[in-house]
Amino acid sequence: MAMENNERNDAFLQTVATILLRSFLFGLAFLLLWFLLYLIAPAWMFDLNARWFNVDKRDFDLINYFGMGFFKISIILFFLLPYLAIKSMSRKKETKKPA
């Protein structure tokens, strides 16, 4: 019975680790897209946002710079670090298992 629960927990943690890794990669892809759009078409992005919001170019640049930084820190904090913690915990379990 206890062995079944351990196997279920291990399978659950592996599923969570997979979800966290995929979420991190999707977040990284979104961040890369944001950066490339900002690099390639900053005038288009500014014009699009200036129509909706009363923002000048300097503020727009700051919002994008800090937004990208906040987003990068967030995906690392909420997706990559928990993934690494789960993986290190599962590796530690594997080394303790008797052969």
PDB file of N, CA and C in Angstrom:
ATOM      1  N   MET A   1       0.829  -1.203   0.000  1.00  0.00           N
ATOM      2  CA  MET A   1       0.000   0.000   0.000  1.00  0.00           C
ATOM      3  C   MET A   1       0.871   1.264   0.000  1.00  0.00           C
ATOM      4  N   ALA A   2       1.874   1.273   0.878  1.00  0.00           N
ATOM      5  CA  ALA A   2       2.755   2.438   0.953  1.00  0.00           C
ATOM      6  C   ALA A   2       3.562   2.597  -0.330  1.00  0.00           C
ATOM      7  N   MET A   3       3.922   1.468  -0.940  1.00  0.00           N
ATOM      8  CA  MET A   3       4.679   1.521  -2.189  1.00  0.00           C
ATOM      9  C   MET A   3       3.847   2.138  -3.311  1.00  0.00           C
ATOM     10  N   GLU A   4       2.546   1.807  -3.335  1.00  0.00           N
ATOM     11  CA  GLU A   4       1.647   2.384  -4.338  1.00  0.00           C
ATOM     12  C   GLU A   4       1.550   3.896  -4.163  1.00  0.00           C
ATOM     13  N   ASN A   5       1.436   4.347  -2.912  1.00  0.00           N
ATOM     14  CA  ASN A   5       1.348   5.786  -2.653  1.00  0.00           C
ATOM     15  C   ASN A   5       2.628   6.494  -3.065  1.00  0.00           C
ATOM     16  N   ASN A   6       3.775   5.879  -2.794  1.00  0.00           N
ATOM     17  CA  ASN A   6       5.043   6.489  -3.212  1.00  0.00           C
ATOM     18  C   ASN A   6       5.131   6.588  -4.730  1.00  0.00           C
ATOM     19  N   GLU A   7       4.701   5.544  -5.409  1.00  0.00           N
ATOM     20  CA  GLU A   7       4.729   5.567  -6.873  1.00  0.00           C
ATOM     21  C   GLU A   7       3.762   6.612  -7.420  1.00  0.00           C
ATOM     22  N   ARG A   8       2.595   6.732  -6.795  1.00  0.00           N
ATOM     23  CA  ARG A   8       1.627   7.760  -7.208  1.00  0.00           C
ATOM     24  C   ARG A   8       2.192   9.156  -6.976  1.00  0.00           C
ATOM     25  N   ASN A   9       2.820   9.360  -5.824  1.00  0.00           N
ATOM     26  CA  ASN A   9       3.414  10.660  -5.528  1.00  0.00           C
ATOM     27  C   ASN A   9       4.527  10.984  -6.509  1.00  0.00           C
ATOM     28  N   ASP A  10       5.351   9.982  -6.823  1.00  0.00           N
ATOM     29  CA  ASP A  10       6.425  10.201  -7.791  1.00  0.00           C
ATOM     30  C   ASP A  10       5.868  10.553  -9.162  1.00  0.00           C
ATOM     31  N   ALA A  11       4.830   9.849  -9.584  1.00  0.00           N
ATOM     32  CA  ALA A  11       4.208  10.140 -10.880  1.00  0.00           C
ATOM     33  C   ALA A  11       3.581  11.531 -10.883  1.00  0.00           C
ATOM     34  N   PHE A  12       2.944  11.883  -9.781  1.00  0.00           N
ATOM     35  CA  PHE A  12       2.341  13.218  -9.669  1.00  0.00           C
ATOM     36  C   PHE A  12       3.409  14.303  -9.743  1.00  0.00           C
ATOM     37  N   LEU A  13       4.503  14.108  -8.996  1.00  0.00           N
ATOM     38  CA  LEU A  13       5.583  15.102  -9.012  1.00  0.00           C
ATOM     39  C   LEU A  13       6.223  15.205 -10.390  1.00  0.00           C
ATOM     40  N   GLN A  14       6.347  14.089 -11.099  1.00  0.00           N
ATOM     41  CA  GLN A  14       6.896  14.143 -12.453  1.00  0.00           C
ATOM     42  C   GLN A  14       5.959  14.910 -13.386  1.00  0.00           C
ATOM     43  N   THR A  15       4.656  14.721 -13.204  1.00  0.00           N
ATOM     44  CA  THR A  15       3.682  15.464 -14.014  1.00  0.00           C
ATOM     45  C   THR A  15       3.760  16.957 -13.713  1.00  0.00           C
ATOM     46  N   VAL A  16       3.844  17.301 -12.437  1.00  0.00           N
ATOM     47  CA  VAL A  16       3.959  18.713 -12.052  1.00  0.00           C
ATOM     48  C   VAL A  16       5.254  19.301 -12.608  1.00  0.00           C
ATOM     49  N   ALA A  17       6.346  18.536 -12.534  1.00  0.00           N
ATOM     50  CA  ALA A  17       7.628  19.015 -13.062  1.00  0.00           C
ATOM     51  C   ALA A  17       7.541  19.259 -14.559  1.00  0.00           C
ATOM     52  N   THR A  18       6.866  18.378 -15.276  1.00  0.00           N
ATOM     53  CA  THR A  18       6.696  18.557 -16.719  1.00  0.00           C
ATOM     54  C   THR A  18       5.877  19.810 -17.017  1.00  0.00           C
ATOM     55  N   ILE A  19       4.812  20.009 -16.261  1.00  0.00           N
ATOM     56  CA  ILE A  19       3.974  21.207 -16.453  1.00  0.00           C
ATOM     57  C   ILE A  19       4.775  22.473 -16.159  1.00  0.00           C
ATOM     58  N   LEU A  20       5.560  22.464 -15.088  1.00  0.00           N
ATOM     59  CA  LEU A  20       6.369  23.632 -14.746  1.00  0.00           C
ATOM     60  C   LEU A  20       7.407  23.935 -15.820  1.00  0.00           C
ATOM     61  N   LEU A  21       8.052  22.885 -16.337  1.00  0.00           N
ATOM     62  CA  LEU A  21       9.053  23.100 -17.384  1.00  0.00           C
ATOM     63  C   LEU A  21       8.410  23.654 -18.651  1.00  0.00           C
ATOM     64  N   ARG A  22       7.273  23.099 -19.043  1.00  0.00           N
ATOM     65  CA  ARG A  22       6.589  23.613 -20.240  1.00  0.00           C
ATOM     66  C   ARG A  22       6.111  25.041 -20.036  1.00  0.00           C
ATOM     67  N   SER A  23       5.620  25.356 -18.850  1.00  0.00           N
ATOM     68  CA  SER A  23       5.191  26.729 -18.565  1.00  0.00           C
ATOM     69  C   SER A  23       6.374  27.688 -18.629  1.00  0.00           C
ATOM     70  N   PHE A  24       7.509  27.256 -18.116  1.00  0.00           N
ATOM     71  CA  PHE A  24       8.715  28.088 -18.188  1.00  0.00           C
ATOM     72  C   PHE A  24       9.122  28.320 -19.641  1.00  0.00           C
ATOM     73  N   LEU A  25       9.096  27.270 -20.445  1.00  0.00           N
ATOM     74  CA  LEU A  25       9.490  27.415 -21.854  1.00  0.00           C
ATOM     75  C   LEU A  25       8.511  28.289 -22.627  1.00  0.00           C
ATOM     76  N   PHE A  26       7.205  28.143 -22.358  1.00  0.00           N
ATOM     77  CA  PHE A  26       6.224  29.028 -23.007  1.00  0.00           C
ATOM     78  C   PHE A  26       6.420  30.480 -22.566  1.00  0.00           C
ATOM     79  N   GLY A  27       6.704  30.686 -21.286  1.00  0.00           N
ATOM     80  CA  GLY A  27       6.972  32.030 -20.798  1.00  0.00           C
ATOM     81  C   GLY A  27       8.216  32.619 -21.434  1.00  0.00           C
ATOM     82  N   LEU A  28       9.242  31.796 -21.592  1.00  0.00           N
ATOM     83  CA  LEU A  28      10.469  32.240 -22.243  1.00  0.00           C
ATOM     84  C   LEU A  28      10.221  32.584 -23.706  1.00  0.00           C
ATOM     85  N   ALA A  29       9.391  31.774 -24.379  1.00  0.00           N
ATOM     86  CA  ALA A  29       9.054  32.059 -25.777  1.00  0.00           C
ATOM     87  C   ALA A  29       8.279  33.376 -25.891  1.00  0.00           C
ATOM     88  N   PHE A  30       7.348  33.597 -24.970  1.00  0.00           N
ATOM     89  CA  PHE A  30       6.607  34.860 -24.973  1.00  0.00           C
ATOM     90  C   PHE A  30       7.536  36.044 -24.727  1.00  0.00           C
ATOM     91  N   LEU A  31       8.459  35.885 -23.787  1.00  0.00           N
ATOM     92  CA  LEU A  31       9.419  36.952 -23.499  1.00  0.00           C
ATOM     93  C   LEU A  31      10.302  37.238 -24.708  1.00  0.00           C
ATOM     94  N   LEU A  32      10.724  36.199 -25.399  1.00  0.00           N
ATOM     95  CA  LEU A  32      11.536  36.375 -26.601  1.00  0.00           C
ATOM     96  C   LEU A  32      10.742  37.082 -27.696  1.00  0.00           C
ATOM     97  N   LEU A  33       9.481  36.707 -27.861  1.00  0.00           N
ATOM     98  CA  LEU A  33       8.626  37.372 -28.840  1.00  0.00           C
ATOM     99  C   LEU A  33       8.457  38.850 -28.503  1.00  0.00           C
ATOM    100  N   TRP A  34       8.209  39.135 -27.229  1.00  0.00           N
ATOM    101  CA  TRP A  34       8.072  40.515 -26.774  1.00  0.00           C
ATOM    102  C   TRP A  34       9.340  41.303 -27.084  1.00  0.00           C
ATOM    103  N   PHE A  35      10.496  40.720 -26.752  1.00  0.00           N
ATOM    104  CA  PHE A  35      11.765  41.394 -26.996  1.00  0.00           C
ATOM    105  C   PHE A  35      11.994  41.623 -28.486  1.00  0.00           C
ATOM    106  N   LEU A  36      11.716  40.608 -29.306  1.00  0.00           N
ATOM    107  CA  LEU A  36      11.926  40.761 -30.746  1.00  0.00           C
ATOM    108  C   LEU A  36      10.993  41.805 -31.339  1.00  0.00           C
ATOM    109  N   LEU A  37       9.734  41.817 -30.906  1.00  0.00           N
ATOM    110  CA  LEU A  37       8.819  42.858 -31.381  1.00  0.00           C
ATOM    111  C   LEU A  37       9.319  44.239 -30.981  1.00  0.00           C
ATOM    112  N   TYR A  38       9.795  44.351 -29.764  1.00  0.00           N
ATOM    113  CA  TYR A  38      10.298  45.639 -29.290  1.00  0.00           C
ATOM    114  C   TYR A  38      11.571  46.035 -30.034  1.00  0.00           C
ATOM    115  N   LEU A  39      12.377  45.052 -30.403  1.00  0.00           N
ATOM    116  CA  LEU A  39      13.622  45.323 -31.116  1.00  0.00           C
ATOM    117  C   LEU A  39      13.374  45.665 -32.579  1.00  0.00           C
ATOM    118  N   ILE A  40      12.467  44.930 -33.215  1.00  0.00           N
ATOM    119  CA  ILE A  40      12.236  45.084 -34.651  1.00  0.00           C
ATOM    120  C   ILE A  40      11.255  46.212 -34.970  1.00  0.00           C
ATOM    121  N   ALA A  41      10.175  46.327 -34.193  1.00  0.00           N
ATOM    122  CA  ALA A  41       9.125  47.295 -34.521  1.00  0.00           C
ATOM    123  C   ALA A  41       8.747  48.153 -33.316  1.00  0.00           C
ATOM    124  N   PRO A  42       9.689  48.914 -32.749  1.00  0.00           N
ATOM    125  CA  PRO A  42       9.324  49.722 -31.579  1.00  0.00           C
ATOM    126  C   PRO A  42       8.362  50.862 -31.911  1.00  0.00           C
ATOM    127  N   ALA A  43       8.490  51.432 -33.096  1.00  0.00           N
ATOM    128  CA  ALA A  43       7.592  52.532 -33.466  1.00  0.00           C
ATOM    129  C   ALA A  43       6.160  52.037 -33.611  1.00  0.00           C
ATOM    130  N   TRP A  44       6.001  50.859 -34.224  1.00  0.00           N
ATOM    131  CA  TRP A  44       4.666  50.286 -34.376  1.00  0.00           C
ATOM    132  C   TRP A  44       4.051  49.989 -33.013  1.00  0.00           C
ATOM    133  N   MET A  45       4.843  49.404 -32.114  1.00  0.00           N
ATOM    134  CA  MET A  45       4.330  49.105 -30.771  1.00  0.00           C
ATOM    135  C   MET A  45       3.954  50.389 -30.034  1.00  0.00           C
ATOM    136  N   PHE A  46       4.809  51.403 -30.162  1.00  0.00           N
ATOM    137  CA  PHE A  46       4.517  52.669 -29.485  1.00  0.00           C
ATOM    138  C   PHE A  46       3.251  53.308 -30.048  1.00  0.00           C
ATOM    139  N   ASP A  47       3.130  53.355 -31.369  1.00  0.00           N
ATOM    140  CA  ASP A  47       1.941  53.950 -31.991  1.00  0.00           C
ATOM    141  C   ASP A  47       0.666  53.212 -31.589  1.00  0.00           C
ATOM    142  N   LEU A  48       0.742  51.898 -31.541  1.00  0.00           N
ATOM    143  CA  LEU A  48      -0.407  51.096 -31.150  1.00  0.00           C
ATOM    144  C   LEU A  48      -0.837  51.413 -29.716  1.00  0.00           C
ATOM    145  N   ASN A  49       0.121  51.519 -28.825  1.00  0.00           N
ATOM    146  CA  ASN A  49      -0.201  51.793 -27.426  1.00  0.00           C
ATOM    147  C   ASN A  49      -0.517  53.257 -27.171  1.00  0.00           C
ATOM    148  N   ALA A  50       0.089  54.156 -27.926  1.00  0.00           N
ATOM    149  CA  ALA A  50      -0.170  55.585 -27.738  1.00  0.00           C
ATOM    150  C   ALA A  50      -1.606  55.936 -28.129  1.00  0.00           C
ATOM    151  N   ARG A  51      -2.197  55.153 -29.029  1.00  0.00           N
ATOM    152  CA  ARG A  51      -3.602  55.386 -29.393  1.00  0.00           C
ATOM    153  C   ARG A  51      -4.532  55.084 -28.224  1.00  0.00           C
ATOM    154  N   TRP A  52      -4.169  54.093 -27.415  1.00  0.00           N
ATOM    155  CA  TRP A  52      -5.028  53.671 -26.317  1.00  0.00           C
ATOM    156  C   TRP A  52      -4.728  54.399 -25.016  1.00  0.00           C
ATOM    157  N   PHE A  53      -3.471  54.689 -24.790  1.00  0.00           N
ATOM    158  CA  PHE A  53      -3.046  55.274 -23.517  1.00  0.00           C
ATOM    159  C   PHE A  53      -2.279  56.562 -23.770  1.00  0.00           C
ATOM    160  N   ASN A  54      -2.371  57.480 -22.837  1.00  0.00           N
ATOM    161  CA  ASN A  54      -1.621  58.723 -22.929  1.00  0.00           C
ATOM    162  C   ASN A  54      -0.226  58.482 -22.344  1.00  0.00           C
ATOM    163  N   VAL A  55       0.684  58.009 -23.183  1.00  0.00           N
ATOM    164  CA  VAL A  55       2.022  57.654 -22.738  1.00  0.00           C
ATOM    165  C   VAL A  55       3.036  58.236 -23.719  1.00  0.00           C
ATOM    166  N   ASP A  56       4.123  58.790 -23.179  1.00  0.00           N
ATOM    167  CA  ASP A  56       5.159  59.293 -24.075  1.00  0.00           C
ATOM    168  C   ASP A  56       6.204  58.198 -24.319  1.00  0.00           C
ATOM    169  N   LYS A  57       7.129  58.466 -25.219  1.00  0.00           N
ATOM    170  CA  LYS A  57       8.098  57.448 -25.653  1.00  0.00           C
ATOM    171  C   LYS A  57       8.980  56.975 -24.500  1.00  0.00           C
ATOM    172  N   ARG A  58       9.417  57.885 -23.662  1.00  0.00           N
ATOM    173  CA  ARG A  58      10.287  57.518 -22.539  1.00  0.00           C
ATOM    174  C   ARG A  58       9.558  56.579 -21.577  1.00  0.00           C
ATOM    175  N   ASP A  59       8.323  56.920 -21.247  1.00  0.00           N
ATOM    176  CA  ASP A  59       7.540  56.060 -20.356  1.00  0.00           C
ATOM    177  C   ASP A  59       7.255  54.699 -20.998  1.00  0.00           C
ATOM    178  N   PHE A  60       6.991  54.707 -22.285  1.00  0.00           N
ATOM    179  CA  PHE A  60       6.756  53.452 -22.992  1.00  0.00           C
ATOM    180  C   PHE A  60       7.992  52.552 -22.934  1.00  0.00           C
ATOM    181  N   ASP A  61       9.171  53.133 -23.132  1.00  0.00           N
ATOM    182  CA  ASP A  61      10.409  52.361 -23.048  1.00  0.00           C
ATOM    183  C   ASP A  61      10.615  51.804 -21.642  1.00  0.00           C
ATOM    184  N   LEU A  62      10.350  52.642 -20.629  1.00  0.00           N
ATOM    185  CA  LEU A  62      10.502  52.176 -19.247  1.00  0.00           C
ATOM    186  C   LEU A  62       9.519  51.061 -18.907  1.00  0.00           C
ATOM    187  N   ILE A  63       8.292  51.195 -19.350  1.00  0.00           N
ATOM    188  CA  ILE A  63       7.285  50.164 -19.089  1.00  0.00           C
ATOM    189  C   ILE A  63       7.712  48.839 -19.705  1.00  0.00           C
ATOM    190  N   ASN A  64       8.205  48.881 -20.935  1.00  0.00           N
ATOM    191  CA  ASN A  64       8.646  47.653 -21.590  1.00  0.00           C
ATOM    192  C   ASN A  64       9.879  47.071 -20.915  1.00  0.00           C
ATOM    193  N   TYR A  65      10.826  47.907 -20.566  1.00  0.00           N
ATOM    194  CA  TYR A  65      12.051  47.431 -19.922  1.00  0.00           C
ATOM    195  C   TYR A  65      11.740  46.775 -18.579  1.00  0.00           C
ATOM    196  N   PHE A  66      10.996  47.470 -17.748  1.00  0.00           N
ATOM    197  CA  PHE A  66      10.657  46.908 -16.438  1.00  0.00           C
ATOM    198  C   PHE A  66       9.677  45.740 -16.563  1.00  0.00           C
ATOM    199  N   GLY A  67       8.775  45.805 -17.533  1.00  0.00           N
ATOM    200  CA  GLY A  67       7.845  44.701 -17.749  1.00  0.00           C
ATOM    201  C   GLY A  67       8.559  43.423 -18.141  1.00  0.00           C
ATOM    202  N   MET A  68       9.529  43.532 -19.038  1.00  0.00           N
ATOM    203  CA  MET A  68      10.296  42.353 -19.430  1.00  0.00           C
ATOM    204  C   MET A  68      11.100  41.807 -18.253  1.00  0.00           C
ATOM    205  N   GLY A  69      11.674  42.693 -17.471  1.00  0.00           N
ATOM    206  CA  GLY A  69      12.430  42.256 -16.300  1.00  0.00           C
ATOM    207  C   GLY A  69      11.551  41.572 -15.271  1.00  0.00           C
ATOM    208  N   PHE A  70      10.400  42.165 -14.999  1.00  0.00           N
ATOM    209  CA  PHE A  70       9.465  41.564 -14.044  1.00  0.00           C
ATOM    210  C   PHE A  70       8.973  40.213 -14.540  1.00  0.00           C
ATOM    211  N   PHE A  71       8.663  40.125 -15.824  1.00  0.00           N
ATOM    212  CA  PHE A  71       8.171  38.873 -16.390  1.00  0.00           C
ATOM    213  C   PHE A  71       9.251  37.793 -16.327  1.00  0.00           C
ATOM    214  N   LYS A  72      10.492  38.173 -16.630  1.00  0.00           N
ATOM    215  CA  LYS A  72      11.581  37.199 -16.583  1.00  0.00           C
ATOM    216  C   LYS A  72      11.800  36.683 -15.168  1.00  0.00           C
ATOM    217  N   ILE A  73      11.821  37.586 -14.199  1.00  0.00           N
ATOM    218  CA  ILE A  73      11.982  37.170 -12.803  1.00  0.00           C
ATOM    219  C   ILE A  73      10.813  36.296 -12.369  1.00  0.00           C
ATOM    220  N   SER A  74       9.610  36.626 -12.816  1.00  0.00           N
ATOM    221  CA  SER A  74       8.425  35.853 -12.441  1.00  0.00           C
ATOM    222  C   SER A  74       8.462  34.432 -12.987  1.00  0.00           C
ATOM    223  N   ILE A  75       8.835  34.272 -14.259  1.00  0.00           N
ATOM    224  CA  ILE A  75       8.850  32.910 -14.800  1.00  0.00           C
ATOM    225  C   ILE A  75       9.975  32.087 -14.172  1.00  0.00           C
ATOM    226  N   ILE A  76      11.066  32.722 -13.824  1.00  0.00           N
ATOM    227  CA  ILE A  76      12.133  31.996 -13.131  1.00  0.00           C
ATOM    228  C   ILE A  76      11.676  31.603 -11.735  1.00  0.00           C
ATOM    229  N   LEU A  77      11.070  32.527 -11.031  1.00  0.00           N
ATOM    230  CA  LEU A  77      10.657  32.286  -9.651  1.00  0.00           C
ATOM    231  C   LEU A  77       9.518  31.283  -9.545  1.00  0.00           C
ATOM    232  N   PHE A  78       8.521  31.380 -10.413  1.00  0.00           N
ATOM    233  CA  PHE A  78       7.330  30.553 -10.277  1.00  0.00           C
ATOM    234  C   PHE A  78       7.353  29.258 -11.086  1.00  0.00           C
ATOM    235  N   PHE A  79       8.241  29.146 -12.073  1.00  0.00           N
ATOM    236  CA  PHE A  79       8.253  27.939 -12.888  1.00  0.00           C
ATOM    237  C   PHE A  79       9.596  27.204 -12.838  1.00  0.00           C
ATOM    238  N   LEU A  80      10.699  27.918 -13.050  1.00  0.00           N
ATOM    239  CA  LEU A  80      11.995  27.234 -13.119  1.00  0.00           C
ATOM    240  C   LEU A  80      12.471  26.744 -11.755  1.00  0.00           C
ATOM    241  N   LEU A  81      12.412  27.584 -10.745  1.00  0.00           N
ATOM    242  CA  LEU A  81      12.893  27.169  -9.424  1.00  0.00           C
ATOM    243  C   LEU A  81      12.087  26.021  -8.826  1.00  0.00           C
ATOM    244  N   PRO A  82      10.750  26.019  -8.899  1.00  0.00           N
ATOM    245  CA  PRO A  82      10.020  24.836  -8.418  1.00  0.00           C
ATOM    246  C   PRO A  82      10.348  23.577  -9.226  1.00  0.00           C
ATOM    247  N   TYR A  83      10.543  23.726 -10.538  1.00  0.00           N
ATOM    248  CA  TYR A  83      10.925  22.581 -11.365  1.00  0.00           C
ATOM    249  C   TYR A  83      12.256  22.009 -10.888  1.00  0.00           C
ATOM    250  N   LEU A  84      13.235  22.875 -10.670  1.00  0.00           N
ATOM    251  CA  LEU A  84      14.549  22.414 -10.211  1.00  0.00           C
ATOM    252  C   LEU A  84      14.467  21.771  -8.830  1.00  0.00           C
ATOM    253  N   ALA A  85      13.617  22.299  -7.971  1.00  0.00           N
ATOM    254  CA  ALA A  85      13.451  21.720  -6.635  1.00  0.00           C
ATOM    255  C   ALA A  85      12.861  20.312  -6.721  1.00  0.00           C
ATOM    256  N   ILE A  86      11.858  20.130  -7.562  1.00  0.00           N
ATOM    257  CA  ILE A  86      11.244  18.813  -7.724  1.00  0.00           C
ATOM    258  C   ILE A  86      12.251  17.834  -8.319  1.00  0.00           C
ATOM    259  N   LYS A  87      12.998  18.284  -9.318  1.00  0.00           N
ATOM    260  CA  LYS A  87      13.984  17.409  -9.936  1.00  0.00           C
ATOM    261  C   LYS A  87      15.087  17.022  -8.959  1.00  0.00           C
ATOM    262  N   SER A  88      15.556  17.959  -8.166  1.00  0.00           N
ATOM    263  CA  SER A  88      16.613  17.627  -7.210  1.00  0.00           C
ATOM    264  C   SER A  88      16.090  16.682  -6.129  1.00  0.00           C
ATOM    265  N   MET A  89      14.829  16.849  -5.745  1.00  0.00           N
ATOM    266  CA  MET A  89      14.233  15.959  -4.758  1.00  0.00           C
ATOM    267  C   MET A  89      14.092  14.545  -5.326  1.00  0.00           C
ATOM    268  N   SER A  90      13.690  14.427  -6.586  1.00  0.00           N
ATOM    269  CA  SER A  90      13.525  13.095  -7.184  1.00  0.00           C
ATOM    270  C   SER A  90      14.883  12.428  -7.404  1.00  0.00           C
ATOM    271  N   ARG A  91      15.920  13.200  -7.707  1.00  0.00           N
ATOM    272  CA  ARG A  91      17.267  12.624  -7.842  1.00  0.00           C
ATOM    273  C   ARG A  91      17.773  12.110  -6.513  1.00  0.00           C
ATOM    274  N   LYS A  92      17.467  12.866  -5.462  1.00  0.00           N
ATOM    275  CA  LYS A  92      17.898  12.454  -4.131  1.00  0.00           C
ATOM    276  C   LYS A  92      17.216  11.135  -3.742  1.00  0.00           C
ATOM    277  N   LYS A  93      15.939  10.990  -4.116  1.00  0.00           N
ATOM    278  CA  LYS A  93      15.208   9.739  -3.829  1.00  0.00           C
ATOM    279  C   LYS A  93      15.811   8.568  -4.589  1.00  0.00           C
ATOM    280  N   GLU A  94      16.196   8.806  -5.848  1.00  0.00           N
ATOM    281  CA  GLU A  94      16.743   7.735  -6.681  1.00  0.00           C
ATOM    282  C   GLU A  94      18.071   7.218  -6.123  1.00  0.00           C
ATOM    283  N   THR A  95      18.869   8.101  -5.560  1.00  0.00           N
ATOM    284  CA  THR A  95      20.152   7.657  -5.022  1.00  0.00           C
ATOM    285  C   THR A  95      19.976   6.883  -3.721  1.00  0.00           C
ATOM    286  N   LYS A  96      18.879   7.111  -3.004  1.00  0.00           N
ATOM    287  CA  LYS A  96      18.612   6.413  -1.745  1.00  0.00           C
ATOM    288  C   LYS A  96      17.983   5.044  -1.946  1.00  0.00           C
ATOM    289  N   LYS A  97      17.375   4.770  -3.132  1.00  0.00           N
ATOM    290  CA  LYS A  97      16.696   3.503  -3.376  1.00  0.00           C
ATOM    291  C   LYS A  97      17.705   2.356  -3.358  1.00  0.00           C
ATOM    292  N   PRO A  98      17.359   1.278  -2.640  1.00  0.00           N
ATOM    293  CA  PRO A  98      18.242   0.109  -2.666  1.00  0.00           C
ATOM    294  C   PRO A  98      18.127  -0.628  -3.996  1.00  0.00           C
ATOM    295  N   ALA A  99      19.229  -1.227  -4.410  1.00  0.00           N
ATOM    296  CA  ALA A  99      19.247  -1.929  -5.706  1.00  0.00           C
ATOM    297  C   ALA A  99      18.646  -3.302  -5.641  1.00  0.00           C
TER     298      ALA A  99
END
